[in-house]
PDB file of N, CA and C in Angstrom:
ATOM      1  N   UNK A   1       5.244 -10.559  13.297  1.00  0.00           N
ATOM      2  CA  UNK A   1       6.313 -10.408  12.116  1.00  0.00           C
ATOM      3  C   UNK A   1       5.806  -9.117  11.738  1.00  0.00           C
ATOM      4  N   UNK A   2       6.385  -8.076  11.569  1.00  0.00           N
ATOM      5  CA  UNK A   2       6.273  -6.580  11.242  1.00  0.00           C
ATOM      6  C   UNK A   2       6.912  -6.381   9.858  1.00  0.00           C
ATOM      7  N   UNK A   3       6.532  -6.039   8.668  1.00  0.00           N
ATOM      8  CA  UNK A   3       7.126  -5.730   7.266  1.00  0.00           C
ATOM      9  C   UNK A   3       7.099  -4.402   7.202  1.00  0.00           C
ATOM     10  N   UNK A   4       8.383  -3.762   6.814  1.00  0.00           N
ATOM     11  CA  UNK A   4       8.631  -2.673   6.910  1.00  0.00           C
ATOM     12  C   UNK A   4       9.181  -2.195   5.633  1.00  0.00           C
ATOM     13  N   UNK A   5       8.920  -1.562   4.744  1.00  0.00           N
ATOM     14  CA  UNK A   5       9.480  -1.334   3.250  1.00  0.00           C
ATOM     15  C   UNK A   5       9.446   0.267   2.911  1.00  0.00           C
ATOM     16  N   UNK A   6      10.086   0.445   1.923  1.00  0.00           N
ATOM     17  CA  UNK A   6       9.937   1.837   1.477  1.00  0.00           C
ATOM     18  C   UNK A   6       9.634   1.953  -0.219  1.00  0.00           C
ATOM     19  N   UNK A   7       9.081   2.769  -0.602  1.00  0.00           N
ATOM     20  CA  UNK A   7       8.826   2.700  -2.132  1.00  0.00           C
ATOM     21  C   UNK A   7       8.413   4.111  -2.671  1.00  0.00           C
ATOM     22  N   UNK A   8       8.522   4.089  -4.024  1.00  0.00           N
ATOM     23  CA  UNK A   8       8.035   5.437  -4.521  1.00  0.00           C
ATOM     24  C   UNK A   8       7.514   4.887  -5.898  1.00  0.00           C
ATOM     25  N   UNK A   9       6.790   5.938  -6.556  1.00  0.00           N
ATOM     26  CA  UNK A   9       6.234   5.555  -8.024  1.00  0.00           C
ATOM     27  C   UNK A   9       6.831   6.468  -8.743  1.00  0.00           C
ATOM     28  N   UNK A  10       7.561   5.796  -9.981  1.00  0.00           N
ATOM     29  CA  UNK A  10       8.166   6.308 -11.105  1.00  0.00           C
ATOM     30  C   UNK A  10       7.451   7.912 -11.392  1.00  0.00           C
ATOM     31  N   UNK A  11       7.980   8.932 -11.726  1.00  0.00           N
ATOM     32  CA  UNK A  11       7.060   9.942 -12.598  1.00  0.00           C
ATOM     33  C   UNK A  11       6.677   9.613 -14.235  1.00  0.00           C
ATOM     34  N   UNK A  12       7.269   8.334 -14.723  1.00  0.00           N
ATOM     35  CA  UNK A  12       6.816   7.934 -15.862  1.00  0.00           C
ATOM     36  C   UNK A  12       6.126   6.914 -15.606  1.00  0.00           C
ATOM     37  N   UNK A  13       5.359   6.659 -14.762  1.00  0.00           N
ATOM     38  CA  UNK A  13       4.815   5.247 -14.743  1.00  0.00           C
ATOM     39  C   UNK A  13       3.125   5.450 -15.386  1.00  0.00           C
ATOM     40  N   UNK A  14       2.698   4.318 -16.036  1.00  0.00           N
ATOM     41  CA  UNK A  14       1.811   4.758 -16.994  1.00  0.00           C
ATOM     42  C   UNK A  14       0.439   5.260 -16.518  1.00  0.00           C
ATOM     43  N   UNK A  15       0.329   4.693 -15.102  1.00  0.00           N
ATOM     44  CA  UNK A  15      -0.964   5.249 -14.652  1.00  0.00           C
ATOM     45  C   UNK A  15      -1.143   6.874 -14.325  1.00  0.00           C
ATOM     46  N   UNK A  16       0.080   7.434 -14.270  1.00  0.00           N
ATOM     47  CA  UNK A  16      -0.184   8.697 -13.845  1.00  0.00           C
ATOM     48  C   UNK A  16      -0.791   9.626 -15.264  1.00  0.00           C
ATOM     49  N   UNK A  17      -0.630   9.248 -16.392  1.00  0.00           N
ATOM     50  CA  UNK A  17      -0.847   9.946 -17.658  1.00  0.00           C
ATOM     51  C   UNK A  17      -2.518  10.252 -17.501  1.00  0.00           C
ATOM     52  N   UNK A  18      -2.686  11.368 -17.476  1.00  0.00           N
ATOM     53  CA  UNK A  18      -3.925  12.073 -17.141  1.00  0.00           C
ATOM     54  C   UNK A  18      -4.347  12.215 -15.721  1.00  0.00           C
ATOM     55  N   UNK A  19      -3.688  11.936 -15.089  1.00  0.00           N
ATOM     56  CA  UNK A  19      -4.290  11.735 -13.586  1.00  0.00           C
ATOM     57  C   UNK A  19      -3.250  12.699 -12.623  1.00  0.00           C
ATOM     58  N   UNK A  20      -3.108  13.998 -12.992  1.00  0.00           N
ATOM     59  CA  UNK A  20      -3.624  14.965 -13.419  1.00  0.00           C
ATOM     60  C   UNK A  20      -2.972  15.811 -14.261  1.00  0.00           C
ATOM     61  N   UNK A  21      -3.370  16.170 -15.579  1.00  0.00           N
ATOM     62  CA  UNK A  21      -2.327  17.132 -16.320  1.00  0.00           C
ATOM     63  C   UNK A  21      -1.816  18.420 -15.694  1.00  0.00           C
ATOM     64  N   UNK A  22      -0.420  18.270 -15.692  1.00  0.00           N
ATOM     65  CA  UNK A  22      -0.024  19.534 -15.143  1.00  0.00           C
ATOM     66  C   UNK A  22       0.814  19.241 -13.624  1.00  0.00           C
ATOM     67  N   UNK A  23      -0.183  18.312 -12.965  1.00  0.00           N
ATOM     68  CA  UNK A  23       0.413  18.347 -11.442  1.00  0.00           C
ATOM     69  C   UNK A  23      -0.006  16.651 -11.266  1.00  0.00           C
ATOM     70  N   UNK A  24       0.813  15.897 -11.706  1.00  0.00           N
ATOM     71  CA  UNK A  24       0.528  14.573 -11.434  1.00  0.00           C
ATOM     72  C   UNK A  24       0.259  14.027  -9.911  1.00  0.00           C
ATOM     73  N   UNK A  25      -0.784  13.220  -9.741  1.00  0.00           N
ATOM     74  CA  UNK A  25      -0.908  12.501  -8.417  1.00  0.00           C
ATOM     75  C   UNK A  25      -1.004  11.165  -8.622  1.00  0.00           C
ATOM     76  N   UNK A  26      -0.490  10.328  -7.551  1.00  0.00           N
ATOM     77  CA  UNK A  26      -0.477   9.032  -7.613  1.00  0.00           C
ATOM     78  C   UNK A  26      -2.017   8.396  -7.461  1.00  0.00           C
ATOM     79  N   UNK A  27      -2.529   7.691  -8.450  1.00  0.00           N
ATOM     80  CA  UNK A  27      -3.931   7.093  -8.062  1.00  0.00           C
ATOM     81  C   UNK A  27      -3.942   6.214  -6.805  1.00  0.00           C
ATOM     82  N   UNK A  28      -4.895   6.216  -5.897  1.00  0.00           N
ATOM     83  CA  UNK A  28      -5.164   5.568  -5.119  1.00  0.00           C
ATOM     84  C   UNK A  28      -5.233   3.932  -5.329  1.00  0.00           C
ATOM     85  N   UNK A  29      -5.551   3.373  -6.478  1.00  0.00           N
ATOM     86  CA  UNK A  29      -5.487   2.238  -6.726  1.00  0.00           C
ATOM     87  C   UNK A  29      -4.359   1.813  -7.080  1.00  0.00           C
ATOM     88  N   UNK A  30      -3.114   2.694  -7.528  1.00  0.00           N
ATOM     89  CA  UNK A  30      -1.724   2.082  -7.756  1.00  0.00           C
ATOM     90  C   UNK A  30      -1.361   1.919  -6.400  1.00  0.00           C
ATOM     91  N   UNK A  31      -1.249   2.989  -5.291  1.00  0.00           N
ATOM     92  CA  UNK A  31      -0.420   2.927  -4.021  1.00  0.00           C
ATOM     93  C   UNK A  31      -1.150   1.702  -3.445  1.00  0.00           C
ATOM     94  N   UNK A  32      -2.638   1.246  -3.514  1.00  0.00           N
ATOM     95  CA  UNK A  32      -3.117   0.185  -2.977  1.00  0.00           C
ATOM     96  C   UNK A  32      -2.558  -1.194  -3.552  1.00  0.00           C
ATOM     97  N   UNK A  33      -2.247  -1.148  -4.657  1.00  0.00           N
ATOM     98  CA  UNK A  33      -1.565  -2.298  -5.520  1.00  0.00           C
ATOM     99  C   UNK A  33      -0.345  -2.328  -5.090  1.00  0.00           C
ATOM    100  N   UNK A  34       0.345  -1.478  -4.647  1.00  0.00           N
ATOM    101  CA  UNK A  34       2.018  -1.291  -4.105  1.00  0.00           C
ATOM    102  C   UNK A  34       1.760  -2.085  -2.767  1.00  0.00           C
ATOM    103  N   UNK A  35       0.901  -1.769  -2.011  1.00  0.00           N
ATOM    104  CA  UNK A  35       0.735  -2.166  -0.698  1.00  0.00           C
ATOM    105  C   UNK A  35       0.315  -3.786  -0.701  1.00  0.00           C
ATOM    106  N   UNK A  36      -0.679  -4.114  -1.223  1.00  0.00           N
ATOM    107  CA  UNK A  36      -0.609  -5.597  -1.541  1.00  0.00           C
ATOM    108  C   UNK A  36       0.021  -6.459  -1.942  1.00  0.00           C
ATOM    109  N   UNK A  37       1.120  -5.905  -3.249  1.00  0.00           N
ATOM    110  CA  UNK A  37       2.345  -6.605  -3.536  1.00  0.00           C
ATOM    111  C   UNK A  37       3.259  -6.790  -2.525  1.00  0.00           C
ATOM    112  N   UNK A  38       3.588  -5.819  -1.799  1.00  0.00           N
ATOM    113  CA  UNK A  38       4.493  -5.744  -0.654  1.00  0.00           C
ATOM    114  C   UNK A  38       4.153  -6.899   0.429  1.00  0.00           C
ATOM    115  N   UNK A  39       2.694  -6.972   0.693  1.00  0.00           N
ATOM    116  CA  UNK A  39       2.499  -8.023   1.719  1.00  0.00           C
ATOM    117  C   UNK A  39       2.245  -9.169   0.828  1.00  0.00           C
ATOM    118  N   UNK A  40       1.978  -9.583  -0.118  1.00  0.00           N
ATOM    119  CA  UNK A  40       2.304 -10.901  -0.841  1.00  0.00           C
ATOM    120  C   UNK A  40       3.648 -11.119  -1.202  1.00  0.00           C
ATOM    121  N   UNK A  41       4.563 -10.308  -1.476  1.00  0.00           N
ATOM    122  CA  UNK A  41       5.994 -10.615  -1.719  1.00  0.00           C
ATOM    123  C   UNK A  41       6.783 -11.150  -0.824  1.00  0.00           C
ATOM    124  N   UNK A  42       6.535 -10.329   0.534  1.00  0.00           N
ATOM    125  CA  UNK A  42       7.370 -10.196   1.623  1.00  0.00           C
ATOM    126  C   UNK A  42       7.021 -11.171   2.542  1.00  0.00           C
ATOM    127  N   UNK A  43       5.639 -11.482   2.726  1.00  0.00           N
ATOM    128  CA  UNK A  43       5.183 -12.181   3.942  1.00  0.00           C
ATOM    129  C   UNK A  43       4.590 -13.875   3.339  1.00  0.00           C
ATOM    130  N   UNK A  44       4.377 -13.732   2.145  1.00  0.00           N
ATOM    131  CA  UNK A  44       3.850 -14.673   1.358  1.00  0.00           C
ATOM    132  C   UNK A  44       2.129 -14.627   1.884  1.00  0.00           C
ATOM    133  N   UNK A  45       1.568 -13.479   2.085  1.00  0.00           N
ATOM    134  CA  UNK A  45       0.288 -13.553   2.441  1.00  0.00           C
ATOM    135  C   UNK A  45      -0.747 -13.590   1.162  1.00  0.00           C
ATOM    136  N   UNK A  46      -1.721 -14.138   0.955  1.00  0.00           N
ATOM    137  CA  UNK A  46      -2.401 -13.996  -0.238  1.00  0.00           C
ATOM    138  C   UNK A  46      -3.663 -12.958   0.536  1.00  0.00           C
ATOM    139  N   UNK A  47      -3.612 -11.851  -0.109  1.00  0.00           N
ATOM    140  CA  UNK A  47      -4.822 -10.812   0.277  1.00  0.00           C
ATOM    141  C   UNK A  47      -6.173 -11.051  -0.409  1.00  0.00           C
ATOM    142  N   UNK A  48      -7.238 -11.469   0.616  1.00  0.00           N
ATOM    143  CA  UNK A  48      -8.454 -11.660  -0.173  1.00  0.00           C
ATOM    144  C   UNK A  48      -9.224 -10.780   0.043  1.00  0.00           C
ATOM    145  N   UNK A  49      -9.112  -9.615   0.968  1.00  0.00           N
ATOM    146  CA  UNK A  49      -9.984  -8.591   0.753  1.00  0.00           C
ATOM    147  C   UNK A  49      -9.334  -7.233   1.622  1.00  0.00           C
ATOM    148  N   UNK A  50      -9.904  -6.258   0.911  1.00  0.00           N
ATOM    149  CA  UNK A  50      -9.548  -4.929   1.795  1.00  0.00           C
ATOM    150  C   UNK A  50     -10.679  -4.439   2.522  1.00  0.00           C
ATOM    151  N   UNK A  51     -10.451  -4.551   3.918  1.00  0.00           N
ATOM    152  CA  UNK A  51     -11.402  -4.562   4.601  1.00  0.00           C
ATOM    153  C   UNK A  51     -11.900  -3.080   4.934  1.00  0.00           C
ATOM    154  N   UNK A  52     -10.830  -2.270   4.791  1.00  0.00           N
ATOM    155  CA  UNK A  52     -11.369  -0.844   5.071  1.00  0.00           C
ATOM    156  C   UNK A  52      -9.770  -0.078   4.779  1.00  0.00           C
ATOM    157  N   UNK A  53      -9.695   1.218   4.088  1.00  0.00           N
ATOM    158  CA  UNK A  53      -8.736   1.762   3.569  1.00  0.00           C
ATOM    159  C   UNK A  53      -8.771   3.295   3.553  1.00  0.00           C
ATOM    160  N   UNK A  54      -7.922   3.978   4.286  1.00  0.00           N
ATOM    161  CA  UNK A  54      -8.237   5.565   4.416  1.00  0.00           C
ATOM    162  C   UNK A  54      -7.131   6.304   3.778  1.00  0.00           C
ATOM    163  N   UNK A  55      -7.224   7.082   2.840  1.00  0.00           N
ATOM    164  CA  UNK A  55      -6.352   7.739   2.063  1.00  0.00           C
ATOM    165  C   UNK A  55      -6.376   8.906   2.611  1.00  0.00           C
ATOM    166  N   UNK A  56      -5.185   9.513   3.089  1.00  0.00           N
ATOM    167  CA  UNK A  56      -5.014  10.432   4.053  1.00  0.00           C
ATOM    168  C   UNK A  56      -4.707  12.064   3.583  1.00  0.00           C
ATOM    169  N   UNK A  57      -3.888  11.573   2.511  1.00  0.00           N
ATOM    170  CA  UNK A  57      -3.466  12.865   1.433  1.00  0.00           C
ATOM    171  C   UNK A  57      -2.862  12.481   0.100  1.00  0.00           C
ATOM    172  N   UNK A  58      -2.734  13.042  -0.651  1.00  0.00           N
ATOM    173  CA  UNK A  58      -2.239  12.879  -2.143  1.00  0.00           C
ATOM    174  C   UNK A  58      -0.824  12.580  -2.092  1.00  0.00           C
ATOM    175  N   UNK A  59      -0.326  11.687  -2.844  1.00  0.00           N
ATOM    176  CA  UNK A  59       1.123  11.459  -3.065  1.00  0.00           C
ATOM    177  C   UNK A  59       1.384  11.780  -4.536  1.00  0.00           C
ATOM    178  N   UNK A  60       2.469  12.598  -4.644  1.00  0.00           N
ATOM    179  CA  UNK A  60       3.221  13.040  -5.666  1.00  0.00           C
ATOM    180  C   UNK A  60       4.040  11.801  -6.253  1.00  0.00           C
ATOM    181  N   UNK A  61       4.348  11.856  -7.465  1.00  0.00           N
ATOM    182  CA  UNK A  61       5.410  10.916  -8.201  1.00  0.00           C
ATOM    183  C   UNK A  61       6.889  11.277  -7.716  1.00  0.00           C
ATOM    184  N   UNK A  62       7.661  10.211  -7.565  1.00  0.00           N
ATOM    185  CA  UNK A  62       8.696  10.310  -7.065  1.00  0.00           C
ATOM    186  C   UNK A  62       8.844  10.704  -5.767  1.00  0.00           C
ATOM    187  N   UNK A  63       7.965  10.526  -4.706  1.00  0.00           N
ATOM    188  CA  UNK A  63       8.254  10.741  -3.360  1.00  0.00           C
ATOM    189  C   UNK A  63       8.330   9.419  -2.407  1.00  0.00           C
ATOM    190  N   UNK A  64       9.381   9.363  -1.836  1.00  0.00           N
ATOM    191  CA  UNK A  64       9.376   8.248  -1.245  1.00  0.00           C
ATOM    192  C   UNK A  64       8.246   8.099   0.297  1.00  0.00           C
ATOM    193  N   UNK A  65       7.850   6.715   0.308  1.00  0.00           N
ATOM    194  CA  UNK A  65       6.741   6.540   1.557  1.00  0.00           C
ATOM    195  C   UNK A  65       7.261   5.397   2.064  1.00  0.00           C
ATOM    196  N   UNK A  66       6.848   5.110   3.330  1.00  0.00           N
ATOM    197  CA  UNK A  66       7.073   3.921   4.162  1.00  0.00           C
ATOM    198  C   UNK A  66       5.749   3.191   4.254  1.00  0.00           C
ATOM    199  N   UNK A  67       5.641   1.941   4.073  1.00  0.00           N
ATOM    200  CA  UNK A  67       4.865   0.987   4.080  1.00  0.00           C
ATOM    201  C   UNK A  67       5.180   0.006   5.374  1.00  0.00           C
ATOM    202  N   UNK A  68       4.164  -0.016   6.339  1.00  0.00           N
ATOM    203  CA  UNK A  68       4.202  -0.949   7.430  1.00  0.00           C
ATOM    204  C   UNK A  68       3.069  -2.016   7.675  1.00  0.00           C
ATOM    205  N   UNK A  69       3.193  -3.220   7.553  1.00  0.00           N
ATOM    206  CA  UNK A  69       2.137  -4.351   7.792  1.00  0.00           C
ATOM    207  C   UNK A  69       2.332  -4.995   8.833  1.00  0.00           C
ATOM    208  N   UNK A  70       1.375  -5.093   9.582  1.00  0.00           N
ATOM    209  CA  UNK A  70       1.352  -5.936  11.001  1.00  0.00           C
ATOM    210  C   UNK A  70       0.465  -6.796  10.976  1.00  0.00           C
ATOM    211  N   UNK A  71       0.513  -8.090  10.944  1.00  0.00           N
ATOM    212  CA  UNK A  71      -0.707  -9.305  11.033  1.00  0.00           C
ATOM    213  C   UNK A  71      -1.108  -8.998  12.473  1.00  0.00           C
ATOM    214  N   UNK A  72      -2.369  -9.075  12.676  1.00  0.00           N
ATOM    215  CA  UNK A  72      -3.269  -8.965  13.604  1.00  0.00           C
ATOM    216  C   UNK A  72      -4.211 -10.240  13.979  1.00  0.00           C
ATOM    217  N   UNK A  73      -4.763 -10.215  14.890  1.00  0.00           N
ATOM    218  CA  UNK A  73      -5.756 -11.419  15.159  1.00  0.00           C
ATOM    219  C   UNK A  73      -6.764 -11.383  13.904  1.00  0.00           C
ATOM    220  N   UNK A  74      -7.293 -12.760  13.859  1.00  0.00           N
ATOM    221  CA  UNK A  74      -8.703 -13.016  12.757  1.00  0.00           C
ATOM    222  C   UNK A  74      -8.004 -12.937  11.486  1.00  0.00           C
ATOM    223  N   UNK A  75      -6.561 -13.007  11.155  1.00  0.00           N
ATOM    224  CA  UNK A  75      -6.220 -13.328   9.726  1.00  0.00           C
ATOM    225  C   UNK A  75      -6.408 -11.920   9.137  1.00  0.00           C
ATOM    226  N   UNK A  76      -5.852 -10.719   9.923  1.00  0.00           N
ATOM    227  CA  UNK A  76      -6.021  -9.530   9.357  1.00  0.00           C
ATOM    228  C   UNK A  76      -4.638  -8.840   9.439  1.00  0.00           C
ATOM    229  N   UNK A  77      -4.525  -7.970   8.724  1.00  0.00           N
ATOM    230  CA  UNK A  77      -3.287  -7.316   8.362  1.00  0.00           C
ATOM    231  C   UNK A  77      -3.493  -5.816   8.668  1.00  0.00           C
ATOM    232  N   UNK A  78      -3.094  -4.793   9.536  1.00  0.00           N
ATOM    233  CA  UNK A  78      -3.146  -3.546   9.672  1.00  0.00           C
ATOM    234  C   UNK A  78      -1.940  -2.992   8.938  1.00  0.00           C
ATOM    235  N   UNK A  79      -2.530  -1.839   7.941  1.00  0.00           N
ATOM    236  CA  UNK A  79      -1.759  -1.149   6.956  1.00  0.00           C
ATOM    237  C   UNK A  79      -1.273   0.396   7.446  1.00  0.00           C
ATOM    238  N   UNK A  80      -0.424   0.686   7.516  1.00  0.00           N
ATOM    239  CA  UNK A  80      -0.058   2.112   7.688  1.00  0.00           C
ATOM    240  C   UNK A  80       1.142   2.581   6.858  1.00  0.00           C
ATOM    241  N   UNK A  81       1.003   3.733   5.875  1.00  0.00           N
ATOM    242  CA  UNK A  81       2.094   4.226   5.176  1.00  0.00           C
ATOM    243  C   UNK A  81       2.194   5.725   5.305  1.00  0.00           C
ATOM    244  N   UNK A  82       3.208   5.938   5.550  1.00  0.00           N
ATOM    245  CA  UNK A  82       3.756   7.629   5.785  1.00  0.00           C
ATOM    246  C   UNK A  82       4.681   7.785   4.798  1.00  0.00           C
ATOM    247  N   UNK A  83       4.447   9.449   4.669  1.00  0.00           N
ATOM    248  CA  UNK A  83       5.540  10.198   4.044  1.00  0.00           C
ATOM    249  C   UNK A  83       6.298  10.983   5.025  1.00  0.00           C
ATOM    250  N   UNK A  84       7.623  10.782   5.178  1.00  0.00           N
ATOM    251  CA  UNK A  84       7.969  11.331   6.685  1.00  0.00           C
ATOM    252  C   UNK A  84       7.324  10.907   7.925  1.00  0.00           C
ATOM    253  N   UNK A  85       6.746  11.834   8.576  1.00  0.00           N
ATOM    254  CA  UNK A  85       5.794  11.499   9.624  1.00  0.00           C
ATOM    255  C   UNK A  85       4.346  11.707   9.463  1.00  0.00           C
ATOM    256  N   UNK A  86       4.067  12.146   8.147  1.00  0.00           N
ATOM    257  CA  UNK A  86       2.782  12.267   7.713  1.00  0.00           C
ATOM    258  C   UNK A  86       2.065  11.172   7.286  1.00  0.00           C
ATOM    259  N   UNK A  87       0.725  10.860   7.731  1.00  0.00           N
ATOM    260  CA  UNK A  87       0.244   9.707   7.562  1.00  0.00           C
ATOM    261  C   UNK A  87      -0.142   9.575   6.055  1.00  0.00           C
ATOM    262  N   UNK A  88      -0.149   8.729   5.299  1.00  0.00           N
ATOM    263  CA  UNK A  88      -0.791   8.528   3.598  1.00  0.00           C
ATOM    264  C   UNK A  88      -1.748   7.350   3.547  1.00  0.00           C
ATOM    265  N   UNK A  89      -1.460   6.357   4.353  1.00  0.00           N
ATOM    266  CA  UNK A  89      -2.672   5.398   4.162  1.00  0.00           C
ATOM    267  C   UNK A  89      -2.569   4.600   5.544  1.00  0.00           C
ATOM    268  N   UNK A  90      -3.816   4.520   5.815  1.00  0.00           N
ATOM    269  CA  UNK A  90      -4.250   3.393   6.993  1.00  0.00           C
ATOM    270  C   UNK A  90      -5.271   2.404   6.732  1.00  0.00           C
ATOM    271  N   UNK A  91      -5.317   1.366   6.953  1.00  0.00           N
ATOM    272  CA  UNK A  91      -6.364   0.189   6.963  1.00  0.00           C
ATOM    273  C   UNK A  91      -6.175  -0.962   7.590  1.00  0.00           C
ATOM    274  N   UNK A  92      -7.039  -1.647   7.087  1.00  0.00           N
ATOM    275  CA  UNK A  92      -7.141  -3.202   7.201  1.00  0.00           C
ATOM    276  C   UNK A  92      -7.383  -3.842   6.144  1.00  0.00           C
ATOM    277  N   UNK A  93      -6.523  -5.025   5.807  1.00  0.00           N
ATOM    278  CA  UNK A  93      -6.562  -6.226   4.994  1.00  0.00           C
ATOM    279  C   UNK A  93      -7.043  -7.546   5.337  1.00  0.00           C
ATOM    280  N   UNK A  94      -7.498  -8.298   4.738  1.00  0.00           N
ATOM    281  CA  UNK A  94      -7.737  -9.655   5.238  1.00  0.00           C
ATOM    282  C   UNK A  94      -7.065 -10.691   4.345  1.00  0.00           C
ATOM    283  N   UNK A  95      -6.242 -11.422   5.129  1.00  0.00           N
ATOM    284  CA  UNK A  95      -5.472 -12.749   4.624  1.00  0.00           C
ATOM    285  C   UNK A  95      -6.619 -13.907   4.111  1.00  0.00           C
ATOM    286  N   UNK A  96      -6.260 -14.317   2.834  1.00  0.00           N
ATOM    287  CA  UNK A  96      -7.262 -15.334   2.415  1.00  0.00           C
ATOM    288  C   UNK A  96      -6.910 -16.672   3.108  1.00  0.00           C
ATOM    289  N   UNK A  97      -7.956 -17.723   2.996  1.00  0.00           N
ATOM    290  CA  UNK A  97      -7.709 -18.933   3.570  1.00  0.00           C
ATOM    291  C   UNK A  97      -6.416 -19.667   3.396  1.00  0.00           C
ATOM    292  N   UNK A  98      -6.079 -20.165   4.074  1.00  0.00           N
ATOM    293  CA  UNK A  98      -5.079 -20.781   3.929  1.00  0.00           C
ATOM    294  C   UNK A  98      -3.549 -20.120   4.551  1.00  0.00           C
ATOM    295  N   UNK A  99      -3.916 -18.528   4.637  1.00  0.00           N
ATOM    296  CA  UNK A  99      -3.048 -17.700   5.331  1.00  0.00           C
ATOM    297  C   UNK A  99      -1.706 -17.625   4.287  1.00  0.00           C
ATOM    298  N   UNK A 100      -0.935 -18.518   3.901  1.00  0.00           N
ATOM    299  CA  UNK A 100       0.108 -18.093   2.908  1.00  0.00           C
ATOM    300  C   UNK A 100       0.170 -18.979   2.193  1.00  0.00           C
ATOM    301  N   UNK A 101       1.217 -18.568   1.158  1.00  0.00           N
ATOM    302  CA  UNK A 101       1.347 -19.353  -0.284  1.00  0.00           C
ATOM    303  C   UNK A 101       2.702 -19.997   0.128  1.00  0.00           C
ATOM    304  N   UNK A 102       3.575 -19.877   1.075  1.00  0.00           N
ATOM    305  CA  UNK A 102       4.995 -20.678   1.132  1.00  0.00           C
ATOM    306  C   UNK A 102       4.885 -22.052   0.806  1.00  0.00           C
TER     307      UNK A 102
END
């Protein structure tokens, strides 16, 4: 089962204050939170660990991006996020013991 969603971060999100004045950029921690919440809400996975995550480019507020999550062997989830065709995030998450909260 692959999960595919789109998301964007509102320009008035509190995490943007001071990050950076005059040209706000979405913090990496907020992007990662959106990815993890998407995995946990849509697949009922409990994410136990961020095994690796690469942030390829900055994301500006109000910019729509795609999230693709694909389970792979060993209780892991492959993460791929894009703005259009441009890579935004790629990485690997580990699903917690029991794999599911269903």
